[in-house]
């Protein structure tokens, strides 16, 4: 079993990853709405 400090660090890391993924998804959706022309 992990101790509570390790668990809290893991949860914190997962929150960071989730925020990054949400930003990527949001940016991707905006690109879909406004196609970039070369």
C-alpha atoms as a PDB file:
ATOM      1  CA  UNK A   1       0.000   0.000   0.000  1.00  0.00           C
ATOM      2  CA  UNK A   2       1.061   3.592  -0.600  1.00  0.00           C
ATOM      3  CA  UNK A   3       1.248   6.055   2.222  1.00  0.00           C
ATOM      4  CA  UNK A   4      -0.932   9.139   2.082  1.00  0.00           C
ATOM      5  CA  UNK A   5       1.856  11.435   0.840  1.00  0.00           C
ATOM      6  CA  UNK A   6       2.516   9.208  -2.159  1.00  0.00           C
ATOM      7  CA  UNK A   7      -1.202   8.986  -2.867  1.00  0.00           C
ATOM      8  CA  UNK A   8      -1.647  12.755  -2.713  1.00  0.00           C
ATOM      9  CA  UNK A   9       1.290  13.262  -5.056  1.00  0.00           C
ATOM     10  CA  UNK A  10      -0.209  10.772  -7.499  1.00  0.00           C
ATOM     11  CA  UNK A  11      -3.583  12.533  -7.388  1.00  0.00           C
ATOM     12  CA  UNK A  12      -1.882  15.893  -7.909  1.00  0.00           C
ATOM     13  CA  UNK A  13       0.064  14.564 -10.914  1.00  0.00           C
ATOM     14  CA  UNK A  14      -3.128  13.165 -12.419  1.00  0.00           C
ATOM     15  CA  UNK A  15      -4.855  16.527 -11.990  1.00  0.00           C
ATOM     16  CA  UNK A  16      -1.991  18.209 -13.847  1.00  0.00           C
ATOM     17  CA  UNK A  17      -2.229  15.684 -16.682  1.00  0.00           C
ATOM     18  CA  UNK A  18      -6.001  16.133 -16.887  1.00  0.00           C
ATOM     19  CA  UNK A  19      -5.664  19.908 -17.171  1.00  0.00           C
ATOM     20  CA  UNK A  20      -3.115  19.563 -19.976  1.00  0.00           C
ATOM     21  CA  UNK A  21      -5.340  17.124 -21.845  1.00  0.00           C
ATOM     22  CA  UNK A  22      -8.346  19.427 -21.499  1.00  0.00           C
ATOM     23  CA  UNK A  23      -6.301  22.288 -22.955  1.00  0.00           C
ATOM     24  CA  UNK A  24      -5.263  20.098 -25.908  1.00  0.00           C
ATOM     25  CA  UNK A  25      -8.854  19.021 -26.537  1.00  0.00           C
ATOM     26  CA  UNK A  26     -10.092  22.604 -26.356  1.00  0.00           C
ATOM     27  CA  UNK A  27      -7.420  23.807 -28.770  1.00  0.00           C
ATOM     28  CA  UNK A  28      -8.206  20.931 -31.119  1.00  0.00           C
ATOM     29  CA  UNK A  29     -11.925  21.725 -31.087  1.00  0.00           C
ATOM     30  CA  UNK A  30     -11.206  25.370 -31.862  1.00  0.00           C
ATOM     31  CA  UNK A  31      -9.054  24.298 -34.819  1.00  0.00           C
ATOM     32  CA  UNK A  32     -11.939  22.200 -36.116  1.00  0.00           C
ATOM     33  CA  UNK A  33     -14.294  25.199 -35.963  1.00  0.00           C
ATOM     34  CA  UNK A  34     -11.848  27.506 -37.734  1.00  0.00           C
ATOM     35  CA  UNK A  35      -9.827  25.613 -40.338  1.00  0.00           C
ATOM     36  CA  UNK A  36      -6.401  27.110 -40.883  1.00  0.00           C
ATOM     37  CA  UNK A  37      -5.730  27.873 -44.520  1.00  0.00           C
ATOM     38  CA  UNK A  38      -2.169  27.653 -45.816  1.00  0.00           C
END
